[in-house]
Amino acid sequence: MSKLKIIVGTTRLTRAADRVAPWVASVAADHGSFDVEVLDLRDWPLPFFSEHFGTLGDINDPTYSEPVVKAWNRKIKDADAYIVVTGEYNHSLPGVLKNAIDSAWASFAFRNKPVAVVGYSAGIGGGIRAIEHLAQIVVETEAVPLRNTVVIPFVNDAFDDAGRPTSPLANVGLDVVLDDLAWWSVALEQARAAGELLPGRIRLRTAMLDADAAKESAA
């Protein structure tokens, strides 16, 4: 089974994620394709990202300086696939979620792994702007954002007292996303096992250094 990490991307005391995330985790576990673990950012007091080349150590294998950041990177690297559960704050994703992604960027922990998103909001948008912004961000980590998403508008009325979605389309949409995630997870696991290119920024830096060395030797 693929290791699926569900990242709960908000930490507010009154967050709607406490209704959304348990439903996502339950349906994902029942899907049968995943070993599911929930990573609630409330449980990960990550410092505001302030690492630099002096604290990262070897840029090709960063060590980081804070124990909680090291542990977070190990958790992210251990996954084969991700679902991010996020609300929408001011047309974007929560700051704690952006910080959590930034805190694993240098280690390439998300690289060549699929990321699905379940978005929600109190209004009609359903978190779609946060979802779109998140897709732009995870591309920079060299993750693979999935096209299909789950959008939950009017989240305060979207679940009954037992935690079940009030719209039957919610389960249908999540099943589609989980099917996609299972397929991409296996496909990318096989691709990684067959051999990965070095990350683009490392290849680019190496090419630039080689070009500089060639100029010096020709001078």
N, C-alpha and C. Protein backbone atom coordinates (compact mmCIF):
# COMPACT_ATOMS: atom_id res chain seq x y z
N MET A 1 0.83 -1.20 0.00
CA MET A 1 0.00 0.00 0.00
C MET A 1 0.87 1.26 0.00
N SER A 2 0.37 2.28 -0.65
CA SER A 2 1.08 3.55 -0.66
C SER A 2 0.89 4.27 0.66
N LYS A 3 1.94 4.95 1.11
CA LYS A 3 1.86 5.72 2.35
C LYS A 3 1.27 7.10 2.04
N LEU A 4 0.09 7.35 2.57
CA LEU A 4 -0.61 8.61 2.33
C LEU A 4 -0.57 9.46 3.59
N LYS A 5 -0.03 10.66 3.47
CA LYS A 5 -0.04 11.62 4.56
C LYS A 5 -1.12 12.67 4.27
N ILE A 6 -2.05 12.82 5.21
CA ILE A 6 -3.07 13.86 5.10
C ILE A 6 -2.63 15.03 5.97
N ILE A 7 -2.34 16.14 5.34
CA ILE A 7 -1.84 17.32 6.04
C ILE A 7 -3.00 18.26 6.34
N VAL A 8 -3.25 18.48 7.62
CA VAL A 8 -4.30 19.42 8.04
C VAL A 8 -3.66 20.79 8.12
N GLY A 9 -4.05 21.68 7.21
CA GLY A 9 -3.28 22.88 6.95
C GLY A 9 -3.71 24.14 7.67
N THR A 10 -4.44 24.02 8.76
CA THR A 10 -4.81 25.19 9.54
C THR A 10 -4.80 24.82 11.01
N THR A 11 -4.56 25.79 11.87
CA THR A 11 -4.41 25.51 13.31
C THR A 11 -5.37 26.32 14.18
N ARG A 12 -6.26 27.07 13.60
CA ARG A 12 -7.18 27.91 14.39
C ARG A 12 -8.00 27.05 15.35
N LEU A 13 -8.32 27.60 16.52
CA LEU A 13 -9.11 26.87 17.51
C LEU A 13 -10.49 26.52 16.98
N THR A 14 -11.06 27.39 16.16
CA THR A 14 -12.42 27.18 15.66
C THR A 14 -12.43 26.72 14.21
N ARG A 15 -11.39 26.06 13.79
CA ARG A 15 -11.24 25.69 12.39
C ARG A 15 -12.31 24.68 11.94
N ALA A 16 -12.74 24.84 10.70
CA ALA A 16 -13.68 23.89 10.10
C ALA A 16 -12.98 22.59 9.71
N ALA A 17 -11.67 22.59 9.70
CA ALA A 17 -10.93 21.37 9.36
C ALA A 17 -11.24 20.22 10.30
N ASP A 18 -11.70 20.53 11.51
CA ASP A 18 -12.05 19.46 12.44
C ASP A 18 -13.28 18.69 12.00
N ARG A 19 -14.03 19.23 11.06
CA ARG A 19 -15.12 18.47 10.45
C ARG A 19 -14.67 17.81 9.14
N VAL A 20 -13.83 18.50 8.41
CA VAL A 20 -13.44 18.01 7.09
C VAL A 20 -12.40 16.89 7.16
N ALA A 21 -11.35 17.09 7.94
CA ALA A 21 -10.22 16.15 7.94
C ALA A 21 -10.60 14.74 8.40
N PRO A 22 -11.41 14.57 9.46
CA PRO A 22 -11.78 13.20 9.85
C PRO A 22 -12.54 12.46 8.76
N TRP A 23 -13.39 13.18 8.04
CA TRP A 23 -14.12 12.56 6.92
C TRP A 23 -13.14 12.12 5.83
N VAL A 24 -12.21 12.99 5.47
CA VAL A 24 -11.23 12.66 4.44
C VAL A 24 -10.42 11.43 4.86
N ALA A 25 -9.95 11.42 6.10
CA ALA A 25 -9.13 10.30 6.58
C ALA A 25 -9.91 8.99 6.58
N SER A 26 -11.18 9.05 6.98
CA SER A 26 -12.01 7.84 7.03
C SER A 26 -12.24 7.27 5.64
N VAL A 27 -12.60 8.12 4.70
CA VAL A 27 -12.86 7.66 3.33
C VAL A 27 -11.57 7.15 2.70
N ALA A 28 -10.45 7.82 2.96
CA ALA A 28 -9.17 7.38 2.41
C ALA A 28 -8.78 6.01 2.96
N ALA A 29 -9.01 5.79 4.24
CA ALA A 29 -8.69 4.49 4.84
C ALA A 29 -9.56 3.39 4.24
N ASP A 30 -10.84 3.71 3.99
CA ASP A 30 -11.76 2.72 3.42
C ASP A 30 -11.47 2.43 1.95
N HIS A 31 -10.75 3.31 1.30
CA HIS A 31 -10.48 3.15 -0.13
C HIS A 31 -9.69 1.87 -0.40
N GLY A 32 -8.80 1.53 0.53
CA GLY A 32 -8.07 0.27 0.42
C GLY A 32 -6.72 0.36 -0.27
N SER A 33 -6.36 1.55 -0.75
CA SER A 33 -5.09 1.70 -1.48
C SER A 33 -3.98 2.31 -0.64
N PHE A 34 -4.34 2.77 0.57
CA PHE A 34 -3.41 3.61 1.30
C PHE A 34 -3.24 3.18 2.76
N ASP A 35 -2.03 3.38 3.23
CA ASP A 35 -1.73 3.38 4.66
C ASP A 35 -1.78 4.84 5.08
N VAL A 36 -2.82 5.22 5.83
CA VAL A 36 -3.14 6.63 6.06
C VAL A 36 -2.56 7.11 7.39
N GLU A 37 -1.95 8.29 7.35
CA GLU A 37 -1.52 8.98 8.56
C GLU A 37 -1.89 10.44 8.44
N VAL A 38 -2.47 11.00 9.50
CA VAL A 38 -2.85 12.41 9.52
C VAL A 38 -1.73 13.20 10.17
N LEU A 39 -1.28 14.24 9.48
CA LEU A 39 -0.29 15.17 10.01
C LEU A 39 -0.99 16.49 10.28
N ASP A 40 -1.38 16.70 11.52
CA ASP A 40 -2.10 17.91 11.91
C ASP A 40 -1.07 18.96 12.30
N LEU A 41 -1.09 20.10 11.62
CA LEU A 41 -0.09 21.12 11.91
C LEU A 41 -0.19 21.66 13.32
N ARG A 42 -1.30 21.44 14.01
CA ARG A 42 -1.36 21.77 15.43
C ARG A 42 -0.32 20.99 16.23
N ASP A 43 -0.01 19.81 15.77
CA ASP A 43 0.93 18.94 16.47
C ASP A 43 2.37 19.17 16.03
N TRP A 44 2.55 20.09 15.10
CA TRP A 44 3.89 20.35 14.55
C TRP A 44 4.20 21.84 14.70
N PRO A 45 4.71 22.26 15.86
CA PRO A 45 4.99 23.69 16.09
C PRO A 45 6.26 24.13 15.35
N LEU A 46 6.15 24.15 14.04
CA LEU A 46 7.31 24.51 13.22
C LEU A 46 7.63 25.99 13.38
N PRO A 47 8.89 26.34 13.60
CA PRO A 47 9.24 27.75 13.67
C PRO A 47 9.06 28.40 12.31
N PHE A 48 8.90 29.71 12.33
CA PHE A 48 8.81 30.43 11.06
C PHE A 48 10.10 30.20 10.28
N PHE A 49 9.94 29.83 9.02
CA PHE A 49 11.10 29.41 8.22
C PHE A 49 12.16 30.50 8.17
N SER A 50 13.35 30.17 8.66
CA SER A 50 14.45 31.14 8.65
C SER A 50 15.79 30.46 8.37
N GLU A 51 15.74 29.25 7.83
CA GLU A 51 16.98 28.54 7.52
C GLU A 51 17.77 29.28 6.43
N HIS A 52 19.07 29.05 6.44
CA HIS A 52 19.92 29.61 5.39
C HIS A 52 21.02 28.59 5.11
N PHE A 53 21.86 28.87 4.16
CA PHE A 53 22.86 27.88 3.76
C PHE A 53 23.76 27.47 4.92
N GLY A 54 23.95 28.36 5.89
CA GLY A 54 24.79 28.02 7.03
C GLY A 54 24.15 27.02 7.97
N THR A 55 22.82 27.02 8.06
CA THR A 55 22.14 26.10 8.97
C THR A 55 21.65 24.85 8.26
N LEU A 56 21.49 24.92 6.95
CA LEU A 56 21.00 23.76 6.21
C LEU A 56 22.04 22.66 6.08
N GLY A 57 23.30 23.03 6.17
CA GLY A 57 24.35 22.05 5.93
C GLY A 57 24.52 21.84 4.43
N ASP A 58 24.76 20.61 4.04
CA ASP A 58 24.92 20.27 2.63
C ASP A 58 23.60 20.52 1.90
N ILE A 59 23.59 21.41 0.94
CA ILE A 59 22.36 21.75 0.23
C ILE A 59 21.78 20.53 -0.49
N ASN A 60 22.64 19.57 -0.82
CA ASN A 60 22.15 18.35 -1.47
C ASN A 60 21.56 17.35 -0.48
N ASP A 61 21.84 17.54 0.81
CA ASP A 61 21.31 16.67 1.85
C ASP A 61 21.18 17.49 3.13
N PRO A 62 20.24 18.43 3.16
CA PRO A 62 20.18 19.39 4.27
C PRO A 62 19.84 18.72 5.60
N THR A 63 20.44 19.23 6.66
CA THR A 63 20.21 18.67 7.99
C THR A 63 19.23 19.52 8.80
N TYR A 64 19.08 20.79 8.47
CA TYR A 64 18.26 21.73 9.22
C TYR A 64 18.81 21.91 10.64
N SER A 65 18.30 22.91 11.34
CA SER A 65 18.85 23.25 12.65
C SER A 65 17.90 22.90 13.79
N GLU A 66 16.59 22.86 13.55
CA GLU A 66 15.61 22.61 14.60
C GLU A 66 15.17 21.15 14.59
N PRO A 67 15.15 20.49 15.75
CA PRO A 67 14.71 19.08 15.79
C PRO A 67 13.33 18.85 15.20
N VAL A 68 12.37 19.76 15.47
CA VAL A 68 11.02 19.57 14.96
C VAL A 68 11.00 19.68 13.44
N VAL A 69 11.85 20.52 12.88
CA VAL A 69 11.93 20.65 11.42
C VAL A 69 12.55 19.39 10.82
N LYS A 70 13.56 18.85 11.48
CA LYS A 70 14.16 17.59 11.01
C LYS A 70 13.12 16.48 11.02
N ALA A 71 12.33 16.40 12.11
CA ALA A 71 11.30 15.36 12.21
C ALA A 71 10.23 15.55 11.15
N TRP A 72 9.85 16.80 10.89
CA TRP A 72 8.86 17.10 9.86
C TRP A 72 9.35 16.64 8.49
N ASN A 73 10.59 16.91 8.19
CA ASN A 73 11.15 16.48 6.91
C ASN A 73 11.16 14.97 6.77
N ARG A 74 11.45 14.28 7.86
CA ARG A 74 11.42 12.81 7.81
C ARG A 74 10.02 12.31 7.52
N LYS A 75 9.01 12.92 8.15
CA LYS A 75 7.63 12.51 7.93
C LYS A 75 7.21 12.75 6.48
N ILE A 76 7.54 13.91 5.96
CA ILE A 76 7.17 14.23 4.58
C ILE A 76 7.89 13.31 3.61
N LYS A 77 9.16 13.06 3.86
CA LYS A 77 9.94 12.21 2.95
C LYS A 77 9.45 10.77 2.98
N ASP A 78 8.86 10.34 4.09
CA ASP A 78 8.39 8.96 4.25
C ASP A 78 7.15 8.66 3.41
N ALA A 79 6.48 9.70 2.91
CA ALA A 79 5.20 9.51 2.20
C ALA A 79 5.41 9.15 0.74
N ASP A 80 4.37 8.51 0.18
CA ASP A 80 4.28 8.28 -1.26
C ASP A 80 3.30 9.23 -1.92
N ALA A 81 2.38 9.80 -1.12
CA ALA A 81 1.34 10.67 -1.65
C ALA A 81 0.81 11.54 -0.52
N TYR A 82 0.15 12.63 -0.91
CA TYR A 82 -0.36 13.59 0.08
C TYR A 82 -1.76 14.05 -0.29
N ILE A 83 -2.56 14.30 0.74
CA ILE A 83 -3.77 15.10 0.60
C ILE A 83 -3.63 16.27 1.56
N VAL A 84 -3.79 17.46 1.04
CA VAL A 84 -3.76 18.66 1.88
C VAL A 84 -5.20 19.13 2.09
N VAL A 85 -5.58 19.27 3.35
CA VAL A 85 -6.90 19.80 3.70
C VAL A 85 -6.69 21.25 4.10
N THR A 86 -7.28 22.17 3.34
CA THR A 86 -7.01 23.58 3.58
C THR A 86 -8.25 24.45 3.48
N GLY A 87 -8.32 25.42 4.35
CA GLY A 87 -9.29 26.49 4.21
C GLY A 87 -8.72 27.57 3.31
N GLU A 88 -9.49 28.63 3.14
CA GLU A 88 -9.04 29.76 2.33
C GLU A 88 -9.03 31.01 3.18
N TYR A 89 -7.85 31.62 3.29
CA TYR A 89 -7.69 32.84 4.06
C TYR A 89 -7.32 33.96 3.09
N ASN A 90 -8.18 34.95 2.96
CA ASN A 90 -7.87 36.11 2.12
C ASN A 90 -7.39 35.71 0.72
N HIS A 91 -8.17 34.83 0.09
CA HIS A 91 -7.92 34.37 -1.28
C HIS A 91 -6.67 33.51 -1.40
N SER A 92 -6.20 32.91 -0.30
CA SER A 92 -5.00 32.09 -0.37
C SER A 92 -5.04 31.01 0.70
N LEU A 93 -3.93 30.30 0.85
CA LEU A 93 -3.84 29.25 1.85
C LEU A 93 -3.37 29.83 3.18
N PRO A 94 -3.60 29.12 4.28
CA PRO A 94 -3.13 29.60 5.59
C PRO A 94 -1.61 29.72 5.65
N GLY A 95 -1.15 30.70 6.40
CA GLY A 95 0.29 30.92 6.51
C GLY A 95 1.03 29.74 7.12
N VAL A 96 0.39 29.05 8.08
CA VAL A 96 1.07 27.90 8.71
C VAL A 96 1.31 26.78 7.69
N LEU A 97 0.41 26.65 6.73
CA LEU A 97 0.58 25.64 5.70
C LEU A 97 1.72 26.01 4.76
N LYS A 98 1.77 27.26 4.35
CA LYS A 98 2.88 27.71 3.50
C LYS A 98 4.22 27.51 4.21
N ASN A 99 4.24 27.81 5.51
CA ASN A 99 5.47 27.64 6.28
C ASN A 99 5.88 26.17 6.37
N ALA A 100 4.89 25.29 6.50
CA ALA A 100 5.19 23.85 6.58
C ALA A 100 5.79 23.34 5.27
N ILE A 101 5.29 23.86 4.16
CA ILE A 101 5.84 23.47 2.86
C ILE A 101 7.25 24.05 2.70
N ASP A 102 7.41 25.32 3.05
CA ASP A 102 8.74 25.94 2.97
C ASP A 102 9.76 25.16 3.81
N SER A 103 9.31 24.63 4.95
CA SER A 103 10.21 23.95 5.87
C SER A 103 10.70 22.60 5.35
N ALA A 104 10.09 22.11 4.28
CA ALA A 104 10.54 20.84 3.68
C ALA A 104 11.03 21.03 2.25
N TRP A 105 11.15 22.27 1.83
CA TRP A 105 11.49 22.54 0.43
C TRP A 105 12.90 22.10 0.08
N ALA A 106 13.87 22.45 0.92
CA ALA A 106 15.27 22.23 0.56
C ALA A 106 15.64 20.75 0.52
N SER A 107 14.91 19.91 1.23
CA SER A 107 15.24 18.48 1.28
C SER A 107 14.64 17.70 0.12
N PHE A 108 13.85 18.36 -0.72
CA PHE A 108 13.18 17.70 -1.85
C PHE A 108 12.25 16.58 -1.37
N ALA A 109 11.70 16.72 -0.16
CA ALA A 109 10.89 15.65 0.43
C ALA A 109 9.61 15.38 -0.36
N PHE A 110 9.05 16.42 -0.99
CA PHE A 110 7.82 16.25 -1.77
C PHE A 110 8.09 15.80 -3.21
N ARG A 111 9.33 15.73 -3.59
CA ARG A 111 9.69 15.62 -5.01
C ARG A 111 9.16 14.34 -5.65
N ASN A 112 8.54 14.51 -6.83
CA ASN A 112 8.04 13.39 -7.65
C ASN A 112 7.01 12.54 -6.91
N LYS A 113 6.17 13.21 -6.12
CA LYS A 113 5.08 12.54 -5.42
C LYS A 113 3.79 13.33 -5.65
N PRO A 114 2.65 12.66 -5.72
CA PRO A 114 1.40 13.35 -6.04
C PRO A 114 0.79 14.05 -4.83
N VAL A 115 0.20 15.21 -5.09
CA VAL A 115 -0.46 16.00 -4.05
C VAL A 115 -1.88 16.30 -4.49
N ALA A 116 -2.85 15.89 -3.69
CA ALA A 116 -4.25 16.23 -3.92
C ALA A 116 -4.68 17.23 -2.85
N VAL A 117 -5.74 17.97 -3.13
CA VAL A 117 -6.18 19.00 -2.20
C VAL A 117 -7.68 18.90 -1.98
N VAL A 118 -8.07 19.02 -0.72
CA VAL A 118 -9.47 19.19 -0.33
C VAL A 118 -9.59 20.59 0.25
N GLY A 119 -10.33 21.45 -0.43
CA GLY A 119 -10.48 22.82 0.01
C GLY A 119 -11.88 23.10 0.51
N TYR A 120 -11.98 24.08 1.37
CA TYR A 120 -13.30 24.44 1.91
C TYR A 120 -13.29 25.92 2.29
N SER A 121 -14.48 26.46 2.39
CA SER A 121 -14.63 27.83 2.87
C SER A 121 -16.03 28.02 3.41
N ALA A 122 -16.21 29.08 4.17
CA ALA A 122 -17.53 29.38 4.73
C ALA A 122 -18.47 29.94 3.67
N GLY A 123 -17.92 30.43 2.56
CA GLY A 123 -18.73 31.01 1.51
C GLY A 123 -18.87 30.10 0.31
N ILE A 124 -19.24 30.71 -0.81
CA ILE A 124 -19.57 29.94 -2.01
C ILE A 124 -18.34 29.40 -2.74
N GLY A 125 -17.16 29.99 -2.50
CA GLY A 125 -15.98 29.62 -3.28
C GLY A 125 -15.44 28.24 -2.99
N GLY A 126 -15.64 27.73 -1.77
CA GLY A 126 -15.18 26.40 -1.43
C GLY A 126 -13.68 26.23 -1.36
N GLY A 127 -12.96 27.33 -1.20
CA GLY A 127 -11.50 27.24 -1.08
C GLY A 127 -10.76 27.15 -2.40
N ILE A 128 -11.43 27.43 -3.52
CA ILE A 128 -10.82 27.20 -4.82
C ILE A 128 -9.59 28.07 -5.05
N ARG A 129 -9.60 29.29 -4.52
CA ARG A 129 -8.43 30.16 -4.72
C ARG A 129 -7.23 29.67 -3.91
N ALA A 130 -7.50 29.13 -2.73
CA ALA A 130 -6.41 28.51 -1.96
C ALA A 130 -5.86 27.29 -2.68
N ILE A 131 -6.76 26.50 -3.28
CA ILE A 131 -6.34 25.30 -4.02
C ILE A 131 -5.45 25.69 -5.20
N GLU A 132 -5.87 26.71 -5.95
CA GLU A 132 -5.09 27.13 -7.11
C GLU A 132 -3.72 27.68 -6.71
N HIS A 133 -3.70 28.44 -5.61
CA HIS A 133 -2.43 28.99 -5.15
C HIS A 133 -1.52 27.86 -4.65
N LEU A 134 -2.10 26.89 -3.95
CA LEU A 134 -1.32 25.77 -3.45
C LEU A 134 -0.68 24.97 -4.59
N ALA A 135 -1.41 24.81 -5.69
CA ALA A 135 -0.85 24.09 -6.84
C ALA A 135 0.40 24.79 -7.36
N GLN A 136 0.38 26.12 -7.40
CA GLN A 136 1.55 26.87 -7.85
C GLN A 136 2.74 26.66 -6.91
N ILE A 137 2.45 26.55 -5.63
CA ILE A 137 3.52 26.41 -4.64
C ILE A 137 4.15 25.02 -4.68
N VAL A 138 3.31 23.98 -4.73
CA VAL A 138 3.87 22.62 -4.66
C VAL A 138 4.64 22.26 -5.92
N VAL A 139 4.34 22.91 -7.04
CA VAL A 139 5.14 22.68 -8.24
C VAL A 139 6.60 23.04 -7.99
N GLU A 140 6.83 24.09 -7.22
CA GLU A 140 8.20 24.51 -6.93
C GLU A 140 8.94 23.48 -6.08
N THR A 141 8.21 22.66 -5.32
CA THR A 141 8.84 21.58 -4.56
C THR A 141 9.11 20.36 -5.44
N GLU A 142 8.71 20.43 -6.70
CA GLU A 142 8.80 19.35 -7.68
C GLU A 142 7.85 18.20 -7.35
N ALA A 143 6.80 18.50 -6.58
CA ALA A 143 5.70 17.55 -6.41
C ALA A 143 4.81 17.60 -7.64
N VAL A 144 3.82 16.70 -7.69
CA VAL A 144 2.92 16.61 -8.84
C VAL A 144 1.50 16.91 -8.35
N PRO A 145 1.02 18.15 -8.52
CA PRO A 145 -0.35 18.46 -8.09
C PRO A 145 -1.38 17.84 -9.03
N LEU A 146 -2.41 17.24 -8.46
CA LEU A 146 -3.43 16.60 -9.27
C LEU A 146 -4.44 17.61 -9.78
N ARG A 147 -4.97 17.34 -10.95
CA ARG A 147 -5.95 18.22 -11.56
C ARG A 147 -7.26 18.21 -10.78
N ASN A 148 -7.75 17.02 -10.42
CA ASN A 148 -9.03 16.93 -9.71
C ASN A 148 -8.86 17.26 -8.24
N THR A 149 -9.83 17.98 -7.70
CA THR A 149 -9.81 18.40 -6.30
C THR A 149 -11.20 18.21 -5.71
N VAL A 150 -11.29 18.41 -4.40
CA VAL A 150 -12.58 18.44 -3.71
C VAL A 150 -12.79 19.86 -3.20
N VAL A 151 -13.92 20.44 -3.53
CA VAL A 151 -14.26 21.80 -3.15
C VAL A 151 -15.52 21.77 -2.29
N ILE A 152 -15.44 22.31 -1.08
CA ILE A 152 -16.57 22.27 -0.15
C ILE A 152 -16.98 23.69 0.20
N PRO A 153 -18.01 24.23 -0.46
CA PRO A 153 -18.51 25.55 -0.10
C PRO A 153 -19.43 25.46 1.12
N PHE A 154 -19.66 26.60 1.75
CA PHE A 154 -20.57 26.68 2.90
C PHE A 154 -20.28 25.55 3.89
N VAL A 155 -19.01 25.47 4.30
CA VAL A 155 -18.55 24.31 5.07
C VAL A 155 -19.28 24.16 6.40
N ASN A 156 -19.77 25.26 6.96
CA ASN A 156 -20.45 25.16 8.26
C ASN A 156 -21.75 24.38 8.18
N ASP A 157 -22.28 24.22 6.97
CA ASP A 157 -23.51 23.45 6.78
C ASP A 157 -23.26 22.17 5.98
N ALA A 158 -21.99 21.84 5.75
CA ALA A 158 -21.67 20.76 4.82
C ALA A 158 -21.63 19.38 5.46
N PHE A 159 -21.71 19.31 6.80
CA PHE A 159 -21.65 18.02 7.49
C PHE A 159 -22.75 17.94 8.54
N ASP A 160 -23.30 16.74 8.70
CA ASP A 160 -24.32 16.56 9.73
C ASP A 160 -23.67 16.31 11.08
N ASP A 161 -24.49 16.07 12.10
CA ASP A 161 -23.96 15.90 13.46
C ASP A 161 -23.08 14.66 13.60
N ALA A 162 -23.24 13.70 12.70
CA ALA A 162 -22.43 12.48 12.74
C ALA A 162 -21.14 12.62 11.93
N GLY A 163 -20.92 13.80 11.34
CA GLY A 163 -19.71 14.03 10.56
C GLY A 163 -19.80 13.59 9.12
N ARG A 164 -21.01 13.26 8.67
CA ARG A 164 -21.20 12.85 7.27
C ARG A 164 -21.51 14.07 6.41
N PRO A 165 -20.99 14.11 5.18
CA PRO A 165 -21.31 15.23 4.30
C PRO A 165 -22.79 15.25 3.95
N THR A 166 -23.36 16.42 3.89
CA THR A 166 -24.78 16.55 3.58
C THR A 166 -25.04 16.44 2.09
N SER A 167 -24.03 16.64 1.27
CA SER A 167 -24.17 16.48 -0.18
C SER A 167 -23.57 15.16 -0.62
N PRO A 168 -24.33 14.33 -1.35
CA PRO A 168 -23.77 13.07 -1.84
C PRO A 168 -22.61 13.27 -2.82
N LEU A 169 -22.55 14.44 -3.43
CA LEU A 169 -21.46 14.72 -4.37
C LEU A 169 -20.10 14.78 -3.68
N ALA A 170 -20.10 15.06 -2.37
CA ALA A 170 -18.83 15.15 -1.66
C ALA A 170 -18.09 13.82 -1.67
N ASN A 171 -18.80 12.74 -1.35
CA ASN A 171 -18.16 11.42 -1.36
C ASN A 171 -17.74 11.01 -2.77
N VAL A 172 -18.58 11.34 -3.74
CA VAL A 172 -18.25 11.01 -5.13
C VAL A 172 -16.96 11.73 -5.54
N GLY A 173 -16.90 13.02 -5.23
CA GLY A 173 -15.72 13.80 -5.59
C GLY A 173 -14.46 13.30 -4.91
N LEU A 174 -14.58 12.93 -3.63
CA LEU A 174 -13.41 12.43 -2.91
C LEU A 174 -12.97 11.08 -3.45
N ASP A 175 -13.91 10.23 -3.82
CA ASP A 175 -13.55 8.94 -4.41
C ASP A 175 -12.77 9.12 -5.72
N VAL A 176 -13.19 10.09 -6.53
CA VAL A 176 -12.47 10.37 -7.78
C VAL A 176 -11.03 10.80 -7.47
N VAL A 177 -10.88 11.68 -6.51
CA VAL A 177 -9.55 12.16 -6.14
C VAL A 177 -8.69 11.01 -5.60
N LEU A 178 -9.27 10.15 -4.78
CA LEU A 178 -8.51 9.03 -4.23
C LEU A 178 -8.11 8.03 -5.31
N ASP A 179 -8.99 7.80 -6.27
CA ASP A 179 -8.63 6.94 -7.41
C ASP A 179 -7.44 7.52 -8.17
N ASP A 180 -7.51 8.82 -8.44
CA ASP A 180 -6.40 9.49 -9.12
C ASP A 180 -5.12 9.39 -8.31
N LEU A 181 -5.24 9.64 -7.02
CA LEU A 181 -4.07 9.64 -6.15
C LEU A 181 -3.43 8.25 -6.09
N ALA A 182 -4.26 7.21 -6.04
CA ALA A 182 -3.74 5.84 -6.01
C ALA A 182 -2.97 5.53 -7.29
N TRP A 183 -3.53 5.93 -8.43
CA TRP A 183 -2.87 5.67 -9.72
C TRP A 183 -1.54 6.41 -9.81
N TRP A 184 -1.57 7.69 -9.49
CA TRP A 184 -0.35 8.49 -9.58
C TRP A 184 0.70 8.03 -8.56
N SER A 185 0.24 7.62 -7.40
CA SER A 185 1.18 7.16 -6.38
C SER A 185 1.97 5.95 -6.86
N VAL A 186 1.27 4.97 -7.44
CA VAL A 186 1.95 3.78 -7.95
C VAL A 186 2.85 4.13 -9.13
N ALA A 187 2.33 4.95 -10.05
CA ALA A 187 3.11 5.31 -11.24
C ALA A 187 4.40 6.03 -10.86
N LEU A 188 4.29 6.95 -9.91
CA LEU A 188 5.48 7.72 -9.54
C LEU A 188 6.42 6.91 -8.65
N GLU A 189 5.88 6.00 -7.84
CA GLU A 189 6.76 5.08 -7.09
C GLU A 189 7.62 4.28 -8.06
N GLN A 190 7.00 3.76 -9.11
CA GLN A 190 7.73 2.97 -10.10
C GLN A 190 8.76 3.84 -10.83
N ALA A 191 8.38 5.06 -11.15
CA ALA A 191 9.31 5.96 -11.84
C ALA A 191 10.50 6.30 -10.94
N ARG A 192 10.25 6.55 -9.66
CA ARG A 192 11.35 6.86 -8.75
C ARG A 192 12.29 5.66 -8.60
N ALA A 193 11.69 4.48 -8.53
CA ALA A 193 12.51 3.27 -8.37
C ALA A 193 13.38 3.02 -9.60
N ALA A 194 12.90 3.43 -10.77
CA ALA A 194 13.66 3.23 -12.00
C ALA A 194 14.82 4.20 -12.14
N GLY A 195 14.81 5.25 -11.32
CA GLY A 195 15.90 6.22 -11.36
C GLY A 195 15.38 7.62 -11.61
N GLU A 196 15.82 8.56 -10.79
CA GLU A 196 15.36 9.94 -10.91
C GLU A 196 16.48 10.84 -11.43
N LEU A 197 16.09 11.83 -12.19
CA LEU A 197 17.01 12.90 -12.51
C LEU A 197 17.35 13.66 -11.24
N LEU A 198 18.52 14.25 -11.18
CA LEU A 198 18.80 15.17 -10.09
C LEU A 198 17.84 16.35 -10.19
N PRO A 199 17.50 16.96 -9.06
CA PRO A 199 16.62 18.14 -9.11
C PRO A 199 17.15 19.19 -10.08
N GLY A 200 16.22 19.89 -10.70
CA GLY A 200 16.58 20.85 -11.73
C GLY A 200 17.54 21.91 -11.26
N ARG A 201 17.33 22.42 -10.03
CA ARG A 201 18.21 23.51 -9.59
C ARG A 201 19.63 23.02 -9.34
N ILE A 202 19.79 21.75 -8.97
CA ILE A 202 21.13 21.20 -8.81
C ILE A 202 21.80 21.03 -10.17
N ARG A 203 21.04 20.53 -11.15
CA ARG A 203 21.61 20.36 -12.50
C ARG A 203 21.99 21.71 -13.10
N LEU A 204 21.14 22.71 -12.86
CA LEU A 204 21.42 24.04 -13.39
C LEU A 204 22.68 24.63 -12.74
N ARG A 205 22.79 24.48 -11.41
CA ARG A 205 23.96 25.01 -10.73
C ARG A 205 25.23 24.31 -11.19
N THR A 206 25.14 22.99 -11.37
CA THR A 206 26.30 22.22 -11.84
C THR A 206 26.73 22.68 -13.23
N ALA A 207 25.74 22.90 -14.10
CA ALA A 207 26.04 23.34 -15.47
C ALA A 207 26.70 24.71 -15.46
N MET A 208 26.23 25.60 -14.58
CA MET A 208 26.82 26.94 -14.50
C MET A 208 28.26 26.87 -13.98
N LEU A 209 28.49 26.02 -12.98
CA LEU A 209 29.85 25.87 -12.45
C LEU A 209 30.78 25.27 -13.51
N ASP A 210 30.27 24.30 -14.26
CA ASP A 210 31.08 23.70 -15.33
C ASP A 210 31.41 24.73 -16.40
N ALA A 211 30.43 25.59 -16.71
CA ALA A 211 30.67 26.62 -17.72
C ALA A 211 31.72 27.62 -17.25
N ASP A 212 31.65 28.00 -15.96
CA ASP A 212 32.65 28.92 -15.41
C ASP A 212 34.04 28.28 -15.42
N ALA A 213 34.08 26.99 -15.07
CA ALA A 213 35.38 26.30 -15.06
C ALA A 213 35.96 26.21 -16.47
N ALA A 214 35.09 25.99 -17.45
CA ALA A 214 35.56 25.92 -18.84
C ALA A 214 36.12 27.26 -19.30
N LYS A 215 35.48 28.36 -18.89
CA LYS A 215 35.97 29.68 -19.26
C LYS A 215 37.35 29.94 -18.65
N GLU A 216 37.50 29.54 -17.37
CA GLU A 216 38.78 29.77 -16.69
C GLU A 216 39.91 28.96 -17.35
N SER A 217 39.60 27.72 -17.70
CA SER A 217 40.64 26.88 -18.31
C SER A 217 41.00 27.36 -19.72
N ALA A 218 40.04 28.02 -20.38
CA ALA A 218 40.30 28.51 -21.73
C ALA A 218 41.03 29.85 -21.73
N ALA A 219 41.00 30.52 -20.57
CA ALA A 219 41.61 31.86 -20.49
C ALA A 219 43.14 31.78 -20.49
